[in-house]
Amino acid sequence: MLDNKKKVLNLIGLATKAGKTVSGEFSTEKAVKSGKACMVLVSEDASDNTRKKFTDMCTYYRVPIMIFGDKDELGHYMGKEMRASLAVLDEGFAKAMVKQMNINGGSKYESQ
């Protein structure tokens, strides 16, 4: 596994322990629509429908979205079952994850 990918997954674990993530389709959607989400992660193996739904929603609500990892990895690092989507509720964690993903220093997190 790439070192940076591992760091992002570890950050997801830390953010989850700190209570700064929500996961699952319903909770992620609620966080975006309520303005609590700083960033959304959708797994690479999520269905096209799920990816489109969150991409459209995040574009509309101006929330950065990343396609990252697979369902097993996201779930494992959150200490849960497989997860296709999660929202990061803390700007510090969101920025740190983007930095590890090597995306142009993350000016409002340069989404995909």
Protein backbone atom coordinates (compact mmCIF):
# COMPACT_ATOMS: atom_id res chain seq x y z
CA MET A 1 0.00 0.00 0.00
CA LEU A 2 1.27 3.48 -0.80
CA ASP A 3 2.57 5.36 2.20
CA ASN A 4 0.34 8.39 1.60
CA LYS A 5 -2.74 6.22 1.18
CA LYS A 6 -1.97 4.55 4.51
CA LYS A 7 -1.61 7.98 6.14
CA VAL A 8 -5.00 9.08 4.80
CA LEU A 9 -6.60 5.87 6.09
CA ASN A 10 -4.98 6.44 9.49
CA LEU A 11 -6.34 10.00 9.50
CA ILE A 12 -9.80 8.58 8.80
CA GLY A 13 -9.35 6.32 11.83
CA LEU A 14 -8.22 9.24 14.03
CA ALA A 15 -11.06 11.47 12.83
CA THR A 16 -13.54 8.67 13.55
CA LYS A 17 -12.18 8.15 17.08
CA ALA A 18 -12.47 11.91 17.61
CA GLY A 19 -16.10 11.78 16.50
CA LYS A 20 -15.39 13.90 13.43
CA THR A 21 -16.74 11.55 10.74
CA VAL A 22 -20.10 10.13 9.77
CA SER A 23 -20.53 7.28 7.34
CA GLY A 24 -23.14 5.52 5.32
CA GLU A 25 -25.29 7.05 2.63
CA PHE A 26 -27.97 8.57 4.88
CA SER A 27 -25.61 10.14 7.46
CA THR A 28 -23.20 11.44 4.81
CA GLU A 29 -26.06 13.03 2.87
CA LYS A 30 -27.43 14.60 6.07
CA ALA A 31 -23.99 16.06 6.94
CA VAL A 32 -23.63 17.61 3.47
CA LYS A 33 -27.12 19.11 3.41
CA SER A 34 -26.84 20.48 6.96
CA GLY A 35 -23.50 22.16 6.16
CA LYS A 36 -21.51 20.08 8.65
CA ALA A 37 -19.40 18.19 6.09
CA CYS A 38 -15.97 19.67 5.30
CA MET A 39 -15.21 16.91 2.81
CA VAL A 40 -16.82 13.75 1.46
CA LEU A 41 -14.96 10.55 0.58
CA VAL A 42 -16.59 8.01 -1.72
CA SER A 43 -14.93 4.64 -2.29
CA GLU A 44 -13.49 3.78 -5.69
CA ASP A 45 -15.69 0.67 -5.81
CA ALA A 46 -18.93 2.48 -4.92
CA SER A 47 -21.71 2.08 -7.48
CA ASP A 48 -21.92 4.57 -10.33
CA ASN A 49 -25.24 5.68 -8.89
CA THR A 50 -23.70 6.42 -5.47
CA ARG A 51 -20.75 8.27 -7.02
CA LYS A 52 -23.03 10.39 -9.20
CA LYS A 53 -25.39 11.15 -6.33
CA PHE A 54 -22.61 12.40 -4.06
CA THR A 55 -20.72 14.20 -6.84
CA ASP A 56 -23.88 16.11 -7.82
CA MET A 57 -24.82 16.83 -4.20
CA CYS A 58 -21.32 17.98 -3.23
CA THR A 59 -21.10 20.19 -6.32
CA TYR A 60 -24.42 21.80 -5.44
CA TYR A 61 -23.54 22.34 -1.76
CA ARG A 62 -19.91 23.25 -2.59
CA VAL A 63 -18.40 20.47 -0.49
CA PRO A 64 -15.09 18.98 -1.69
CA ILE A 65 -15.42 15.33 -2.72
CA MET A 66 -12.69 12.71 -3.21
CA ILE A 67 -12.90 9.27 -4.72
CA PHE A 68 -10.58 7.28 -2.47
CA GLY A 69 -9.86 3.73 -1.31
CA ASP A 70 -12.28 0.83 -1.39
CA LYS A 71 -15.27 -0.03 0.78
CA ASP A 72 -13.32 -2.55 2.86
CA GLU A 73 -10.51 -0.10 3.63
CA LEU A 74 -12.82 2.77 4.53
CA GLY A 75 -14.92 0.53 6.76
CA HIS A 76 -11.91 -1.15 8.37
CA TYR A 77 -10.22 2.11 9.33
CA MET A 78 -13.49 3.43 10.75
CA GLY A 79 -13.88 0.28 12.82
CA LYS A 80 -17.07 -0.66 10.98
CA GLU A 81 -18.37 -2.81 8.15
CA MET A 82 -17.81 -1.80 4.55
CA ARG A 83 -18.46 1.88 3.87
CA ALA A 84 -19.00 3.38 0.41
CA SER A 85 -19.20 6.98 1.68
CA LEU A 86 -18.18 9.09 4.62
CA ALA A 87 -18.14 12.77 5.52
CA VAL A 88 -15.32 14.45 7.42
CA LEU A 89 -16.77 17.00 9.85
CA ASP A 90 -13.52 18.72 10.81
CA GLU A 91 -11.62 21.12 8.55
CA GLY A 92 -8.25 20.22 10.07
CA PHE A 93 -8.69 16.52 9.30
CA ALA A 94 -10.03 17.31 5.82
CA LYS A 95 -7.01 19.50 5.00
CA ALA A 96 -4.58 16.90 6.37
CA MET A 97 -6.15 14.19 4.20
CA VAL A 98 -5.98 16.33 1.08
CA LYS A 99 -2.35 17.14 1.82
CA GLN A 100 -1.57 13.41 1.97
CA MET A 101 -3.41 12.87 -1.30
CA ASN A 102 -0.92 15.32 -2.85
CA ILE A 103 -3.50 17.57 -4.40
CA ASN A 104 -2.08 21.06 -5.01
CA GLY A 105 -1.84 22.07 -1.38
CA GLY A 106 -5.62 21.86 -1.11
CA SER A 107 -6.95 25.32 -1.89
CA LYS A 108 -10.49 24.66 -0.67
CA TYR A 109 -9.26 21.13 -1.12
CA GLU A 110 -9.14 20.86 -4.94
CA SER A 111 -11.74 18.15 -5.42
CA GLN A 112 -11.87 15.50 -8.10
